[in-house]
Amino acid sequence: MPPRLPPHLWIPKSPTTFGAPTESVGKHLTPSRNRKEVLSLYREILRTAKHFHWKDEKTGKPWNKYLKDKARAEIEEARNETDPLIIARLLVTGRDCVHQIQNRFNAATTAAWERIERDSSRRF
């Protein structure tokens, strides 16, 4: 199976299409919109991270603390990025990763509850 690549983004009137100036990039990629998207993604990461209660075996640090610190570091690292395409790719990739983690966590939780139900029904 080939490696999975982030989705291709098409931006109307971008500098690479028909030589349009940089200012004509669509309103969906304005700095204020990017800030809102980044904050929304960061909040979603924090909400997701708080469900990871166990500790890392190597460091003994709780996973929720580690994930929060790592998310903060990633966002701080990309803070000065100005290219709208790179910002859009970072946001899409971040959202995709969070959604994959949420789906896996939900699947594991559902499987655990199903096993509990199955085991408890055998007792009676």
PDB file of N, CA and C in Angstrom:
ATOM      1  N   MET A   1       0.850  -1.178   0.000  1.00  0.00           N
ATOM      2  CA  MET A   1       0.000   0.000   0.000  1.00  0.00           C
ATOM      3  C   MET A   1       0.898   1.245   0.000  1.00  0.00           C
ATOM      4  N   PRO A   2       0.670   2.185  -0.916  1.00  0.00           N
ATOM      5  CA  PRO A   2       1.511   3.393  -0.965  1.00  0.00           C
ATOM      6  C   PRO A   2       1.287   4.254   0.273  1.00  0.00           C
ATOM      7  N   PRO A   3       2.286   5.067   0.638  1.00  0.00           N
ATOM      8  CA  PRO A   3       2.111   5.926   1.815  1.00  0.00           C
ATOM      9  C   PRO A   3       0.977   6.919   1.602  1.00  0.00           C
ATOM     10  N   ARG A   4       0.288   7.217   2.673  1.00  0.00           N
ATOM     11  CA  ARG A   4      -0.846   8.137   2.603  1.00  0.00           C
ATOM     12  C   ARG A   4      -0.350   9.572   2.665  1.00  0.00           C
ATOM     13  N   LEU A   5      -0.709  10.361   1.674  1.00  0.00           N
ATOM     14  CA  LEU A   5      -0.288  11.759   1.600  1.00  0.00           C
ATOM     15  C   LEU A   5      -1.420  12.669   2.042  1.00  0.00           C
ATOM     16  N   PRO A   6      -1.089  13.847   2.554  1.00  0.00           N
ATOM     17  CA  PRO A   6      -2.148  14.797   2.898  1.00  0.00           C
ATOM     18  C   PRO A   6      -2.931  15.169   1.643  1.00  0.00           C
ATOM     19  N   PRO A   7      -4.183  15.558   1.804  1.00  0.00           N
ATOM     20  CA  PRO A   7      -4.990  15.890   0.632  1.00  0.00           C
ATOM     21  C   PRO A   7      -4.424  17.073  -0.133  1.00  0.00           C
ATOM     22  N   HIS A   8      -4.663  17.072  -1.423  1.00  0.00           N
ATOM     23  CA  HIS A   8      -4.218  18.173  -2.272  1.00  0.00           C
ATOM     24  C   HIS A   8      -5.134  19.371  -2.056  1.00  0.00           C
ATOM     25  N   LEU A   9      -4.564  20.520  -1.829  1.00  0.00           N
ATOM     26  CA  LEU A   9      -5.340  21.729  -1.597  1.00  0.00           C
ATOM     27  C   LEU A   9      -5.303  22.613  -2.833  1.00  0.00           C
ATOM     28  N   TRP A  10      -6.443  23.042  -3.284  1.00  0.00           N
ATOM     29  CA  TRP A  10      -6.535  23.982  -4.380  1.00  0.00           C
ATOM     30  C   TRP A  10      -7.045  25.295  -3.820  1.00  0.00           C
ATOM     31  N   ILE A  11      -6.293  26.359  -4.052  1.00  0.00           N
ATOM     32  CA  ILE A  11      -6.677  27.666  -3.544  1.00  0.00           C
ATOM     33  C   ILE A  11      -6.946  28.571  -4.737  1.00  0.00           C
ATOM     34  N   PRO A  12      -8.148  29.115  -4.817  1.00  0.00           N
ATOM     35  CA  PRO A  12      -8.456  29.981  -5.954  1.00  0.00           C
ATOM     36  C   PRO A  12      -7.600  31.231  -5.950  1.00  0.00           C
ATOM     37  N   LYS A  13      -7.155  31.611  -7.140  1.00  0.00           N
ATOM     38  CA  LYS A  13      -6.359  32.825  -7.339  1.00  0.00           C
ATOM     39  C   LYS A  13      -5.064  32.828  -6.523  1.00  0.00           C
ATOM     40  N   SER A  14      -4.455  31.666  -6.338  1.00  0.00           N
ATOM     41  CA  SER A  14      -3.182  31.631  -5.626  1.00  0.00           C
ATOM     42  C   SER A  14      -2.077  32.103  -6.566  1.00  0.00           C
ATOM     43  N   PRO A  15      -0.920  32.489  -6.037  1.00  0.00           N
ATOM     44  CA  PRO A  15       0.164  32.997  -6.880  1.00  0.00           C
ATOM     45  C   PRO A  15       0.606  31.996  -7.947  1.00  0.00           C
ATOM     46  N   THR A  16       0.367  30.709  -7.726  1.00  0.00           N
ATOM     47  CA  THR A  16       0.814  29.722  -8.700  1.00  0.00           C
ATOM     48  C   THR A  16      -0.214  29.503  -9.799  1.00  0.00           C
ATOM     49  N   THR A  17      -1.421  30.060  -9.666  1.00  0.00           N
ATOM     50  CA  THR A  17      -2.420  29.892 -10.719  1.00  0.00           C
ATOM     51  C   THR A  17      -2.645  31.206 -11.434  1.00  0.00           C
ATOM     52  N   PHE A  18      -2.247  31.264 -12.667  1.00  0.00           N
ATOM     53  CA  PHE A  18      -2.454  32.403 -13.561  1.00  0.00           C
ATOM     54  C   PHE A  18      -1.765  33.683 -13.094  1.00  0.00           C
ATOM     55  N   GLY A  19      -0.749  33.581 -12.250  1.00  0.00           N
ATOM     56  CA  GLY A  19       0.045  34.740 -11.876  1.00  0.00           C
ATOM     57  C   GLY A  19      -0.688  35.771 -11.054  1.00  0.00           C
ATOM     58  N   ALA A  20      -1.691  35.391 -10.311  1.00  0.00           N
ATOM     59  CA  ALA A  20      -2.433  36.345  -9.479  1.00  0.00           C
ATOM     60  C   ALA A  20      -1.562  36.803  -8.312  1.00  0.00           C
ATOM     61  N   PRO A  21      -1.743  38.019  -7.842  1.00  0.00           N
ATOM     62  CA  PRO A  21      -0.954  38.496  -6.711  1.00  0.00           C
ATOM     63  C   PRO A  21      -1.292  37.752  -5.420  1.00  0.00           C
ATOM     64  N   THR A  22      -0.372  37.795  -4.470  1.00  0.00           N
ATOM     65  CA  THR A  22      -0.530  37.098  -3.205  1.00  0.00           C
ATOM     66  C   THR A  22      -1.731  37.603  -2.418  1.00  0.00           C
ATOM     67  N   GLU A  23      -2.070  38.883  -2.542  1.00  0.00           N
ATOM     68  CA  GLU A  23      -3.187  39.441  -1.776  1.00  0.00           C
ATOM     69  C   GLU A  23      -4.522  38.834  -2.183  1.00  0.00           C
ATOM     70  N   SER A  24      -4.595  38.199  -3.349  1.00  0.00           N
ATOM     71  CA  SER A  24      -5.869  37.686  -3.824  1.00  0.00           C
ATOM     72  C   SER A  24      -6.192  36.288  -3.305  1.00  0.00           C
ATOM     73  N   VAL A  25      -5.380  35.770  -2.395  1.00  0.00           N
ATOM     74  CA  VAL A  25      -5.688  34.467  -1.820  1.00  0.00           C
ATOM     75  C   VAL A  25      -7.020  34.570  -1.110  1.00  0.00           C
ATOM     76  N   GLY A  26      -7.865  33.548  -1.254  1.00  0.00           N
ATOM     77  CA  GLY A  26      -9.231  33.580  -0.739  1.00  0.00           C
ATOM     78  C   GLY A  26      -9.336  33.974   0.724  1.00  0.00           C
ATOM     79  N   LYS A  27     -10.501  34.460   1.096  1.00  0.00           N
ATOM     80  CA  LYS A  27     -10.704  34.943   2.460  1.00  0.00           C
ATOM     81  C   LYS A  27     -10.625  33.825   3.486  1.00  0.00           C
ATOM     82  N   HIS A  28     -10.725  32.571   3.039  1.00  0.00           N
ATOM     83  CA  HIS A  28     -10.652  31.460   3.966  1.00  0.00           C
ATOM     84  C   HIS A  28      -9.244  31.230   4.501  1.00  0.00           C
ATOM     85  N   LEU A  29      -8.249  31.926   3.986  1.00  0.00           N
ATOM     86  CA  LEU A  29      -6.881  31.786   4.474  1.00  0.00           C
ATOM     87  C   LEU A  29      -6.333  33.092   5.031  1.00  0.00           C
ATOM     88  N   THR A  30      -7.177  33.912   5.599  1.00  0.00           N
ATOM     89  CA  THR A  30      -6.709  35.159   6.189  1.00  0.00           C
ATOM     90  C   THR A  30      -6.034  34.846   7.528  1.00  0.00           C
ATOM     91  N   PRO A  31      -5.135  35.723   7.982  1.00  0.00           N
ATOM     92  CA  PRO A  31      -4.464  35.481   9.260  1.00  0.00           C
ATOM     93  C   PRO A  31      -5.436  35.318  10.435  1.00  0.00           C
ATOM     94  N   SER A  32      -6.515  36.089  10.467  1.00  0.00           N
ATOM     95  CA  SER A  32      -7.455  35.952  11.571  1.00  0.00           C
ATOM     96  C   SER A  32      -8.187  34.612  11.496  1.00  0.00           C
ATOM     97  N   ARG A  33      -8.490  34.147  10.289  1.00  0.00           N
ATOM     98  CA  ARG A  33      -9.141  32.845  10.130  1.00  0.00           C
ATOM     99  C   ARG A  33      -8.183  31.728  10.512  1.00  0.00           C
ATOM    100  N   ASN A  34      -6.912  31.871  10.137  1.00  0.00           N
ATOM    101  CA  ASN A  34      -5.909  30.871  10.512  1.00  0.00           C
ATOM    102  C   ASN A  34      -5.779  30.787  12.025  1.00  0.00           C
ATOM    103  N   ARG A  35      -5.777  31.940  12.688  1.00  0.00           N
ATOM    104  CA  ARG A  35      -5.663  31.961  14.145  1.00  0.00           C
ATOM    105  C   ARG A  35      -6.833  31.218  14.789  1.00  0.00           C
ATOM    106  N   LYS A  36      -8.034  31.452  14.276  1.00  0.00           N
ATOM    107  CA  LYS A  36      -9.218  30.770  14.816  1.00  0.00           C
ATOM    108  C   LYS A  36      -9.119  29.261  14.599  1.00  0.00           C
ATOM    109  N   GLU A  37      -8.666  28.873  13.422  1.00  0.00           N
ATOM    110  CA  GLU A  37      -8.528  27.444  13.123  1.00  0.00           C
ATOM    111  C   GLU A  37      -7.482  26.788  14.019  1.00  0.00           C
ATOM    112  N   VAL A  38      -6.362  27.467  14.220  1.00  0.00           N
ATOM    113  CA  VAL A  38      -5.305  26.920  15.070  1.00  0.00           C
ATOM    114  C   VAL A  38      -5.798  26.791  16.511  1.00  0.00           C
ATOM    115  N   LEU A  39      -6.470  27.801  17.012  1.00  0.00           N
ATOM    116  CA  LEU A  39      -6.997  27.730  18.380  1.00  0.00           C
ATOM    117  C   LEU A  39      -8.037  26.625  18.512  1.00  0.00           C
ATOM    118  N   SER A  40      -8.875  26.477  17.521  1.00  0.00           N
ATOM    119  CA  SER A  40      -9.875  25.416  17.536  1.00  0.00           C
ATOM    120  C   SER A  40      -9.211  24.038  17.546  1.00  0.00           C
ATOM    121  N   LEU A  41      -8.205  23.863  16.705  1.00  0.00           N
ATOM    122  CA  LEU A  41      -7.471  22.605  16.667  1.00  0.00           C
ATOM    123  C   LEU A  41      -6.768  22.348  17.995  1.00  0.00           C
ATOM    124  N   TYR A  42      -6.147  23.362  18.563  1.00  0.00           N
ATOM    125  CA  TYR A  42      -5.435  23.219  19.838  1.00  0.00           C
ATOM    126  C   TYR A  42      -6.409  22.818  20.956  1.00  0.00           C
ATOM    127  N   ARG A  43      -7.571  23.449  20.995  1.00  0.00           N
ATOM    128  CA  ARG A  43      -8.572  23.084  22.008  1.00  0.00           C
ATOM    129  C   ARG A  43      -9.034  21.643  21.837  1.00  0.00           C
ATOM    130  N   GLU A  44      -9.206  21.232  20.592  1.00  0.00           N
ATOM    131  CA  GLU A  44      -9.626  19.857  20.347  1.00  0.00           C
ATOM    132  C   GLU A  44      -8.542  18.869  20.775  1.00  0.00           C
ATOM    133  N   ILE A  45      -7.292  19.214  20.540  1.00  0.00           N
ATOM    134  CA  ILE A  45      -6.184  18.369  20.990  1.00  0.00           C
ATOM    135  C   ILE A  45      -6.199  18.262  22.508  1.00  0.00           C
ATOM    136  N   LEU A  46      -6.390  19.392  23.201  1.00  0.00           N
ATOM    137  CA  LEU A  46      -6.416  19.371  24.665  1.00  0.00           C
ATOM    138  C   LEU A  46      -7.580  18.535  25.188  1.00  0.00           C
ATOM    139  N   ARG A  47      -8.754  18.664  24.565  1.00  0.00           N
ATOM    140  CA  ARG A  47      -9.914  17.862  24.990  1.00  0.00           C
ATOM    141  C   ARG A  47      -9.656  16.373  24.770  1.00  0.00           C
ATOM    142  N   THR A  48      -8.994  16.040  23.676  1.00  0.00           N
ATOM    143  CA  THR A  48      -8.696  14.640  23.387  1.00  0.00           C
ATOM    144  C   THR A  48      -7.618  14.111  24.327  1.00  0.00           C
ATOM    145  N   ALA A  49      -6.613  14.919  24.599  1.00  0.00           N
ATOM    146  CA  ALA A  49      -5.481  14.479  25.426  1.00  0.00           C
ATOM    147  C   ALA A  49      -5.892  14.182  26.858  1.00  0.00           C
ATOM    148  N   LYS A  50      -6.907  14.839  27.366  1.00  0.00           N
ATOM    149  CA  LYS A  50      -7.263  14.625  28.771  1.00  0.00           C
ATOM    150  C   LYS A  50      -7.828  13.228  29.030  1.00  0.00           C
ATOM    151  N   HIS A  51      -8.139  12.478  27.980  1.00  0.00           N
ATOM    152  CA  HIS A  51      -8.639  11.110  28.151  1.00  0.00           C
ATOM    153  C   HIS A  51      -7.519  10.086  28.302  1.00  0.00           C
ATOM    154  N   PHE A  52      -6.279  10.491  28.111  1.00  0.00           N
ATOM    155  CA  PHE A  52      -5.141   9.581  28.224  1.00  0.00           C
ATOM    156  C   PHE A  52      -4.576   9.681  29.642  1.00  0.00           C
ATOM    157  N   HIS A  53      -5.035   8.809  30.528  1.00  0.00           N
ATOM    158  CA  HIS A  53      -4.685   8.906  31.950  1.00  0.00           C
ATOM    159  C   HIS A  53      -3.451   8.108  32.344  1.00  0.00           C
ATOM    160  N   TRP A  54      -3.069   7.111  31.574  1.00  0.00           N
ATOM    161  CA  TRP A  54      -1.964   6.265  31.976  1.00  0.00           C
ATOM    162  C   TRP A  54      -0.627   6.967  31.789  1.00  0.00           C
ATOM    163  N   LYS A  55       0.409   6.376  32.399  1.00  0.00           N
ATOM    164  CA  LYS A  55       1.745   6.976  32.371  1.00  0.00           C
ATOM    165  C   LYS A  55       2.636   6.258  31.371  1.00  0.00           C
ATOM    166  N   ASP A  56       3.618   6.995  30.881  1.00  0.00           N
ATOM    167  CA  ASP A  56       4.624   6.425  30.002  1.00  0.00           C
ATOM    168  C   ASP A  56       5.547   5.552  30.844  1.00  0.00           C
ATOM    169  N   GLU A  57       5.823   4.336  30.385  1.00  0.00           N
ATOM    170  CA  GLU A  57       6.652   3.410  31.160  1.00  0.00           C
ATOM    171  C   GLU A  57       8.093   3.912  31.297  1.00  0.00           C
ATOM    172  N   LYS A  58       8.595   4.588  30.281  1.00  0.00           N
ATOM    173  CA  LYS A  58       9.990   5.036  30.301  1.00  0.00           C
ATOM    174  C   LYS A  58      10.203   6.238  31.218  1.00  0.00           C
ATOM    175  N   THR A  59       9.348   7.233  31.094  1.00  0.00           N
ATOM    176  CA  THR A  59       9.555   8.484  31.837  1.00  0.00           C
ATOM    177  C   THR A  59       8.697   8.604  33.082  1.00  0.00           C
ATOM    178  N   GLY A  60       7.612   7.866  33.137  1.00  0.00           N
ATOM    179  CA  GLY A  60       6.696   7.987  34.270  1.00  0.00           C
ATOM    180  C   GLY A  60       5.811   9.218  34.186  1.00  0.00           C
ATOM    181  N   LYS A  61       5.922   9.959  33.093  1.00  0.00           N
ATOM    182  CA  LYS A  61       5.129  11.175  32.888  1.00  0.00           C
ATOM    183  C   LYS A  61       3.759  10.784  32.326  1.00  0.00           C
ATOM    184  N   PRO A  62       2.683  11.372  32.830  1.00  0.00           N
ATOM    185  CA  PRO A  62       1.360  11.036  32.282  1.00  0.00           C
ATOM    186  C   PRO A  62       1.279  11.407  30.795  1.00  0.00           C
ATOM    187  N   TRP A  63       0.612  10.546  30.021  1.00  0.00           N
ATOM    188  CA  TRP A  63       0.507  10.776  28.589  1.00  0.00           C
ATOM    189  C   TRP A  63      -0.255  12.050  28.278  1.00  0.00           C
ATOM    190  N   ASN A  64      -1.267  12.396  29.078  1.00  0.00           N
ATOM    191  CA  ASN A  64      -2.021  13.620  28.772  1.00  0.00           C
ATOM    192  C   ASN A  64      -1.130  14.853  28.886  1.00  0.00           C
ATOM    193  N   LYS A  65      -0.241  14.872  29.861  1.00  0.00           N
ATOM    194  CA  LYS A  65       0.695  15.993  30.008  1.00  0.00           C
ATOM    195  C   LYS A  65       1.679  16.031  28.831  1.00  0.00           C
ATOM    196  N   TYR A  66       2.177  14.847  28.460  1.00  0.00           N
ATOM    197  CA  TYR A  66       3.109  14.770  27.343  1.00  0.00           C
ATOM    198  C   TYR A  66       2.459  15.261  26.046  1.00  0.00           C
ATOM    199  N   LEU A  67       1.227  14.820  25.781  1.00  0.00           N
ATOM    200  CA  LEU A  67       0.536  15.221  24.555  1.00  0.00           C
ATOM    201  C   LEU A  67       0.245  16.716  24.530  1.00  0.00           C
ATOM    202  N   LYS A  68      -0.131  17.281  25.674  1.00  0.00           N
ATOM    203  CA  LYS A  68      -0.385  18.721  25.747  1.00  0.00           C
ATOM    204  C   LYS A  68       0.892  19.516  25.481  1.00  0.00           C
ATOM    205  N   ASP A  69       1.991  19.085  26.094  1.00  0.00           N
ATOM    206  CA  ASP A  69       3.269  19.774  25.888  1.00  0.00           C
ATOM    207  C   ASP A  69       3.729  19.671  24.432  1.00  0.00           C
ATOM    208  N   LYS A  70       3.557  18.507  23.846  1.00  0.00           N
ATOM    209  CA  LYS A  70       3.979  18.300  22.459  1.00  0.00           C
ATOM    210  C   LYS A  70       3.131  19.139  21.500  1.00  0.00           C
ATOM    211  N   ALA A  71       1.826  19.213  21.750  1.00  0.00           N
ATOM    212  CA  ALA A  71       0.955  20.032  20.900  1.00  0.00           C
ATOM    213  C   ALA A  71       1.358  21.496  20.990  1.00  0.00           C
ATOM    214  N   ARG A  72       1.622  21.959  22.198  1.00  0.00           N
ATOM    215  CA  ARG A  72       2.034  23.355  22.383  1.00  0.00           C
ATOM    216  C   ARG A  72       3.341  23.640  21.639  1.00  0.00           C
ATOM    217  N   ALA A  73       4.291  22.710  21.734  1.00  0.00           N
ATOM    218  CA  ALA A  73       5.583  22.890  21.061  1.00  0.00           C
ATOM    219  C   ALA A  73       5.413  22.917  19.538  1.00  0.00           C
ATOM    220  N   GLU A  74       4.559  22.050  19.003  1.00  0.00           N
ATOM    221  CA  GLU A  74       4.321  22.028  17.553  1.00  0.00           C
ATOM    222  C   GLU A  74       3.695  23.337  17.081  1.00  0.00           C
ATOM    223  N   ILE A  75       2.748  23.855  17.838  1.00  0.00           N
ATOM    224  CA  ILE A  75       2.089  25.100  17.447  1.00  0.00           C
ATOM    225  C   ILE A  75       3.053  26.277  17.551  1.00  0.00           C
ATOM    226  N   GLU A  76       3.853  26.301  18.601  1.00  0.00           N
ATOM    227  CA  GLU A  76       4.846  27.367  18.742  1.00  0.00           C
ATOM    228  C   GLU A  76       5.884  27.314  17.623  1.00  0.00           C
ATOM    229  N   GLU A  77       6.241  26.107  17.201  1.00  0.00           N
ATOM    230  CA  GLU A  77       7.228  25.954  16.130  1.00  0.00           C
ATOM    231  C   GLU A  77       6.702  26.516  14.806  1.00  0.00           C
ATOM    232  N   ALA A  78       5.403  26.400  14.570  1.00  0.00           N
ATOM    233  CA  ALA A  78       4.817  26.859  13.315  1.00  0.00           C
ATOM    234  C   ALA A  78       4.238  28.268  13.421  1.00  0.00           C
ATOM    235  N   ARG A  79       4.445  28.933  14.531  1.00  0.00           N
ATOM    236  CA  ARG A  79       3.843  30.246  14.769  1.00  0.00           C
ATOM    237  C   ARG A  79       4.224  31.279  13.706  1.00  0.00           C
ATOM    238  N   ASN A  80       5.457  31.287  13.259  1.00  0.00           N
ATOM    239  CA  ASN A  80       5.932  32.316  12.339  1.00  0.00           C
ATOM    240  C   ASN A  80       5.792  31.927  10.867  1.00  0.00           C
ATOM    241  N   GLU A  81       5.097  30.848  10.594  1.00  0.00           N
ATOM    242  CA  GLU A  81       4.891  30.422   9.209  1.00  0.00           C
ATOM    243  C   GLU A  81       3.951  31.411   8.510  1.00  0.00           C
ATOM    244  N   THR A  82       4.328  31.847   7.312  1.00  0.00           N
ATOM    245  CA  THR A  82       3.515  32.832   6.593  1.00  0.00           C
ATOM    246  C   THR A  82       2.927  32.286   5.294  1.00  0.00           C
ATOM    247  N   ASP A  83       3.456  31.187   4.792  1.00  0.00           N
ATOM    248  CA  ASP A  83       2.957  30.627   3.540  1.00  0.00           C
ATOM    249  C   ASP A  83       1.572  30.009   3.768  1.00  0.00           C
ATOM    250  N   PRO A  84       0.534  30.526   3.092  1.00  0.00           N
ATOM    251  CA  PRO A  84      -0.815  30.014   3.335  1.00  0.00           C
ATOM    252  C   PRO A  84      -0.985  28.540   2.985  1.00  0.00           C
ATOM    253  N   LEU A  85      -0.250  28.052   1.999  1.00  0.00           N
ATOM    254  CA  LEU A  85      -0.355  26.638   1.649  1.00  0.00           C
ATOM    255  C   LEU A  85       0.209  25.745   2.741  1.00  0.00           C
ATOM    256  N   ILE A  86       1.329  26.133   3.295  1.00  0.00           N
ATOM    257  CA  ILE A  86       1.929  25.346   4.376  1.00  0.00           C
ATOM    258  C   ILE A  86       1.039  25.383   5.609  1.00  0.00           C
ATOM    259  N   ILE A  87       0.494  26.551   5.921  1.00  0.00           N
ATOM    260  CA  ILE A  87      -0.414  26.671   7.069  1.00  0.00           C
ATOM    261  C   ILE A  87      -1.628  25.771   6.864  1.00  0.00           C
ATOM    262  N   ALA A  88      -2.200  25.806   5.668  1.00  0.00           N
ATOM    263  CA  ALA A  88      -3.363  24.974   5.383  1.00  0.00           C
ATOM    264  C   ALA A  88      -3.025  23.489   5.497  1.00  0.00           C
ATOM    265  N   ARG A  89      -1.876  23.090   4.999  1.00  0.00           N
ATOM    266  CA  ARG A  89      -1.457  21.688   5.104  1.00  0.00           C
ATOM    267  C   ARG A  89      -1.251  21.276   6.560  1.00  0.00           C
ATOM    268  N   LEU A  90      -0.640  22.143   7.351  1.00  0.00           N
ATOM    269  CA  LEU A  90      -0.439  21.838   8.771  1.00  0.00           C
ATOM    270  C   LEU A  90      -1.782  21.659   9.482  1.00  0.00           C
ATOM    271  N   LEU A  91      -2.731  22.535   9.179  1.00  0.00           N
ATOM    272  CA  LEU A  91      -4.050  22.437   9.807  1.00  0.00           C
ATOM    273  C   LEU A  91      -4.780  21.165   9.384  1.00  0.00           C
ATOM    274  N   VAL A  92      -4.732  20.850   8.095  1.00  0.00           N
ATOM    275  CA  VAL A  92      -5.405  19.643   7.607  1.00  0.00           C
ATOM    276  C   VAL A  92      -4.771  18.392   8.217  1.00  0.00           C
ATOM    277  N   THR A  93      -3.453  18.352   8.236  1.00  0.00           N
ATOM    278  CA  THR A  93      -2.755  17.207   8.803  1.00  0.00           C
ATOM    279  C   THR A  93      -3.045  17.075  10.298  1.00  0.00           C
ATOM    280  N   GLY A  94      -3.028  18.192  11.014  1.00  0.00           N
ATOM    281  CA  GLY A  94      -3.324  18.163  12.447  1.00  0.00           C
ATOM    282  C   GLY A  94      -4.723  17.663  12.731  1.00  0.00           C
ATOM    283  N   ARG A  95      -5.702  18.176  11.993  1.00  0.00           N
ATOM    284  CA  ARG A  95      -7.094  17.720  12.171  1.00  0.00           C
ATOM    285  C   ARG A  95      -7.221  16.228  11.873  1.00  0.00           C
ATOM    286  N   ASP A  96      -6.579  15.793  10.795  1.00  0.00           N
ATOM    287  CA  ASP A  96      -6.648  14.387  10.418  1.00  0.00           C
ATOM    288  C   ASP A  96      -6.063  13.499  11.517  1.00  0.00           C
ATOM    289  N   CYS A  97      -4.925  13.893  12.067  1.00  0.00           N
ATOM    290  CA  CYS A  97      -4.299  13.108  13.140  1.00  0.00           C
ATOM    291  C   CYS A  97      -5.190  13.038  14.374  1.00  0.00           C
ATOM    292  N   VAL A  98      -5.762  14.161  14.764  1.00  0.00           N
ATOM    293  CA  VAL A  98      -6.634  14.181  15.943  1.00  0.00           C
ATOM    294  C   VAL A  98      -7.857  13.297  15.709  1.00  0.00           C
ATOM    295  N   HIS A  99      -8.438  13.358  14.524  1.00  0.00           N
ATOM    296  CA  HIS A  99      -9.620  12.552  14.235  1.00  0.00           C
ATOM    297  C   HIS A  99      -9.284  11.067  14.212  1.00  0.00           C
ATOM    298  N   GLN A 100      -8.112  10.708  13.697  1.00  0.00           N
ATOM    299  CA  GLN A 100      -7.696   9.303  13.719  1.00  0.00           C
ATOM    300  C   GLN A 100      -7.528   8.805  15.150  1.00  0.00           C
ATOM    301  N   ILE A 101      -6.908   9.615  15.985  1.00  0.00           N
ATOM    302  CA  ILE A 101      -6.714   9.232  17.386  1.00  0.00           C
ATOM    303  C   ILE A 101      -8.060   9.088  18.081  1.00  0.00           C
ATOM    304  N   GLN A 102      -8.962  10.036  17.853  1.00  0.00           N
ATOM    305  CA  GLN A 102     -10.287   9.963  18.461  1.00  0.00           C
ATOM    306  C   GLN A 102     -11.030   8.704  18.006  1.00  0.00           C
ATOM    307  N   ASN A 103     -10.963   8.390  16.726  1.00  0.00           N
ATOM    308  CA  ASN A 103     -11.644   7.197  16.214  1.00  0.00           C
ATOM    309  C   ASN A 103     -11.061   5.924  16.821  1.00  0.00           C
ATOM    310  N   ARG A 104      -9.743   5.839  16.931  1.00  0.00           N
ATOM    311  CA  ARG A 104      -9.114   4.658  17.529  1.00  0.00           C
ATOM    312  C   ARG A 104      -9.458   4.543  19.012  1.00  0.00           C
ATOM    313  N   PHE A 105      -9.431   5.650  19.693  1.00  0.00           N
ATOM    314  CA  PHE A 105      -9.763   5.648  21.117  1.00  0.00           C
ATOM    315  C   PHE A 105     -11.215   5.224  21.319  1.00  0.00           C
ATOM    316  N   ASN A 106     -12.120   5.754  20.501  1.00  0.00           N
ATOM    317  CA  ASN A 106     -13.530   5.375  20.599  1.00  0.00           C
ATOM    318  C   ASN A 106     -13.740   3.904  20.264  1.00  0.00           C
ATOM    319  N   ALA A 107     -13.030   3.395  19.276  1.00  0.00           N
ATOM    320  CA  ALA A 107     -13.150   1.982  18.923  1.00  0.00           C
ATOM    321  C   ALA A 107     -12.653   1.094  20.066  1.00  0.00           C
ATOM    322  N   ALA A 108     -11.544   1.484  20.682  1.00  0.00           N
ATOM    323  CA  ALA A 108     -11.024   0.702  21.808  1.00  0.00           C
ATOM    324  C   ALA A 108     -11.982   0.753  22.995  1.00  0.00           C
ATOM    325  N   THR A 109     -12.563   1.905  23.253  1.00  0.00           N
ATOM    326  CA  THR A 109     -13.523   2.034  24.348  1.00  0.00           C
ATOM    327  C   THR A 109     -14.761   1.187  24.076  1.00  0.00           C
ATOM    328  N   THR A 110     -15.262   1.223  22.863  1.00  0.00           N
ATOM    329  CA  THR A 110     -16.426   0.420  22.496  1.00  0.00           C
ATOM    330  C   THR A 110     -16.119  -1.064  22.637  1.00  0.00           C
ATOM    331  N   ALA A 111     -14.944  -1.489  22.184  1.00  0.00           N
ATOM    332  CA  ALA A 111     -14.554  -2.893  22.295  1.00  0.00           C
ATOM    333  C   ALA A 111     -14.451  -3.315  23.762  1.00  0.00           C
ATOM    334  N   ALA A 112     -13.922  -2.441  24.600  1.00  0.00           N
ATOM    335  CA  ALA A 112     -13.807  -2.758  26.024  1.00  0.00           C
ATOM    336  C   ALA A 112     -15.181  -2.909  26.661  1.00  0.00           C
ATOM    337  N   TRP A 113     -16.099  -1.996  26.336  1.00  0.00           N
ATOM    338  CA  TRP A 113     -17.450  -2.086  26.893  1.00  0.00           C
ATOM    339  C   TRP A 113     -18.176  -3.332  26.392  1.00  0.00           C
ATOM    340  N   GLU A 114     -17.977  -3.685  25.131  1.00  0.00           N
ATOM    341  CA  GLU A 114     -18.591  -4.896  24.599  1.00  0.00           C
ATOM    342  C   GLU A 114     -18.056  -6.134  25.307  1.00  0.00           C
ATOM    343  N   ARG A 115     -16.766  -6.137  25.593  1.00  0.00           N
ATOM    344  CA  ARG A 115     -16.179  -7.266  26.321  1.00  0.00           C
ATOM    345  C   ARG A 115     -16.715  -7.334  27.741  1.00  0.00           C
ATOM    346  N   ILE A 116     -16.850  -6.197  28.382  1.00  0.00           N
ATOM    347  CA  ILE A 116     -17.410  -6.169  29.732  1.00  0.00           C
ATOM    348  C   ILE A 116     -18.836  -6.712  29.716  1.00  0.00           C
ATOM    349  N   GLU A 117     -19.637  -6.266  28.745  1.00  0.00           N
ATOM    350  CA  GLU A 117     -21.014  -6.753  28.613  1.00  0.00           C
ATOM    351  C   GLU A 117     -21.041  -8.260  28.377  1.00  0.00           C
ATOM    352  N   ARG A 118     -20.178  -8.718  27.503  1.00  0.00           N
ATOM    353  CA  ARG A 118     -20.125 -10.146  27.183  1.00  0.00           C
ATOM    354  C   ARG A 118     -19.705 -10.979  28.393  1.00  0.00           C
ATOM    355  N   ASP A 119     -18.684 -10.505  29.116  1.00  0.00           N
ATOM    356  CA  ASP A 119     -18.208 -11.225  30.293  1.00  0.00           C
ATOM    357  C   ASP A 119     -19.233 -11.222  31.415  1.00  0.00           C
ATOM    358  N   SER A 120     -19.909 -10.095  31.606  1.00  0.00           N
ATOM    359  CA  SER A 120     -20.893 -10.025  32.688  1.00  0.00           C
ATOM    360  C   SER A 120     -22.134 -10.855  32.379  1.00  0.00           C
ATOM    361  N   SER A 121     -22.462 -11.014  31.111  1.00  0.00           N
ATOM    362  CA  SER A 121     -23.626 -11.834  30.761  1.00  0.00           C
ATOM    363  C   SER A 121     -23.342 -13.314  30.934  1.00  0.00           C
ATOM    364  N   ARG A 122     -22.077 -13.721  30.852  1.00  0.00           N
ATOM    365  CA  ARG A 122     -21.712 -15.130  31.057  1.00  0.00           C
ATOM    366  C   ARG A 122     -21.823 -15.553  32.511  1.00  0.00           C
ATOM    367  N   ARG A 123     -21.704 -14.627  33.417  1.00  0.00           N
ATOM    368  CA  ARG A 123     -21.731 -14.956  34.850  1.00  0.00           C
ATOM    369  C   ARG A 123     -23.106 -15.427  35.292  1.00  0.00           C
ATOM    370  N   PHE A 124     -24.121 -14.948  34.655  1.00  0.00           N
ATOM    371  CA  PHE A 124     -25.489 -15.251  35.115  1.00  0.00           C
ATOM    372  C   PHE A 124     -26.090 -16.374  34.378  1.00  0.00           C
TER     373      PHE A 124
END
